[in-house]
């Protein structure tokens, strides 16, 4: 969940730069194509990086659940959090 939130936070500046780039190149079709291609490449890279981080966390979580192994970039508290019961926020 938090990885998706950070991905969205990083996509907002990308969207702003994309809109500014498209507006700045309104009379240059080649410039628009370059801005679009660069923005698309950065978007794909960001989505891929987000997927990689989620998969690394999933593997670390599996190792923690199966073998109680906390090796890797995550602390035990981070790996224990998905197993704790959340409070009902409606109260």
Protein backbone atom coordinates (compact mmCIF):
# COMPACT_ATOMS: atom_id res chain seq x y z
CA UNK A 1 0.00 0.00 0.00
CA UNK A 2 2.71 2.49 0.93
CA UNK A 3 4.68 1.69 -2.23
CA UNK A 4 1.64 2.61 -4.32
CA UNK A 5 1.22 5.84 -2.38
CA UNK A 6 4.84 6.83 -3.01
CA UNK A 7 4.43 5.95 -6.68
CA UNK A 8 1.48 8.33 -6.93
CA UNK A 9 3.41 11.04 -5.09
CA UNK A 10 6.24 10.69 -7.62
CA UNK A 11 3.86 10.68 -10.58
CA UNK A 12 2.39 14.07 -9.71
CA UNK A 13 5.57 16.03 -10.59
CA UNK A 14 5.92 13.88 -13.71
CA UNK A 15 2.43 14.88 -14.77
CA UNK A 16 3.17 18.57 -14.10
CA UNK A 17 6.38 18.45 -16.14
CA UNK A 18 4.53 16.60 -18.92
CA UNK A 19 1.78 19.23 -19.11
CA UNK A 20 4.30 22.08 -19.05
CA UNK A 21 6.39 20.35 -21.73
CA UNK A 22 3.38 19.79 -23.99
CA UNK A 23 2.27 23.41 -23.53
CA UNK A 24 5.78 24.73 -24.24
CA UNK A 25 6.06 22.74 -27.46
CA UNK A 26 2.66 23.57 -28.92
CA UNK A 27 4.21 24.88 -32.15
CA UNK A 28 6.88 22.18 -32.43
CA UNK A 29 5.47 18.74 -33.26
CA UNK A 30 8.91 17.11 -32.95
CA UNK A 31 9.31 18.63 -29.49
CA UNK A 32 5.91 17.30 -28.43
CA UNK A 33 6.86 13.83 -29.59
CA UNK A 34 10.13 14.05 -27.63
CA UNK A 35 8.34 15.26 -24.48
CA UNK A 36 5.73 12.52 -24.82
CA UNK A 37 8.35 9.80 -25.42
CA UNK A 38 10.50 10.93 -22.50
CA UNK A 39 7.51 11.18 -20.18
CA UNK A 40 6.31 7.73 -21.24
CA UNK A 41 9.76 6.25 -20.61
CA UNK A 42 9.96 7.81 -17.14
CA UNK A 43 6.41 6.61 -16.37
CA UNK A 44 7.24 3.04 -17.41
CA UNK A 45 10.46 3.13 -15.38
CA UNK A 46 8.60 4.41 -12.32
CA UNK A 47 5.92 1.73 -12.59
CA UNK A 48 8.59 -0.96 -13.06
CA UNK A 49 10.54 0.30 -10.05
CA UNK A 50 7.37 0.26 -7.99
CA UNK A 51 6.73 -3.35 -8.98
CA UNK A 52 10.29 -4.33 -8.12
CA UNK A 53 10.03 -2.76 -4.66
CA UNK A 54 6.71 -4.54 -4.03
CA UNK A 55 8.20 -7.88 -5.07
CA UNK A 56 11.27 -7.39 -2.89
CA UNK A 57 8.98 -6.68 0.05
CA UNK A 58 6.87 -9.75 -0.77
CA UNK A 59 9.94 -11.99 -0.77
CA UNK A 60 11.20 -10.49 2.48
CA UNK A 61 7.73 -10.92 4.01
CA UNK A 62 7.62 -14.55 2.89
CA UNK A 63 11.05 -15.24 4.38
CA UNK A 64 9.98 -13.60 7.63
CA UNK A 65 6.74 -15.61 7.80
CA UNK A 66 8.27 -18.95 6.80
CA UNK A 67 11.67 -18.84 8.44
CA UNK A 68 11.59 -15.84 10.82
CA UNK A 69 14.45 -14.41 8.75
CA UNK A 70 14.82 -10.62 8.80
CA UNK A 71 17.79 -10.36 6.46
CA UNK A 72 17.45 -7.71 3.80
CA UNK A 73 16.57 -4.03 3.72
CA UNK A 74 13.50 -4.26 5.98
CA UNK A 75 13.33 -4.13 9.77
CA UNK A 76 11.43 -6.69 11.79
CA UNK A 77 8.80 -4.08 12.69
CA UNK A 78 8.11 -3.49 8.97
CA UNK A 79 7.71 -7.21 8.38
CA UNK A 80 5.56 -7.78 11.46
CA UNK A 81 3.08 -5.00 10.58
CA UNK A 82 1.08 -6.95 7.93
CA UNK A 83 0.33 -9.64 10.53
CA UNK A 84 -1.02 -7.32 13.21
CA UNK A 85 -4.73 -6.73 13.52
CA UNK A 86 -5.80 -3.20 12.62
CA UNK A 87 -8.14 -1.22 14.78
CA UNK A 88 -11.53 -0.29 13.42
CA UNK A 89 -11.26 3.36 12.40
CA UNK A 90 -15.00 3.98 12.61
CA UNK A 91 -14.94 4.27 16.40
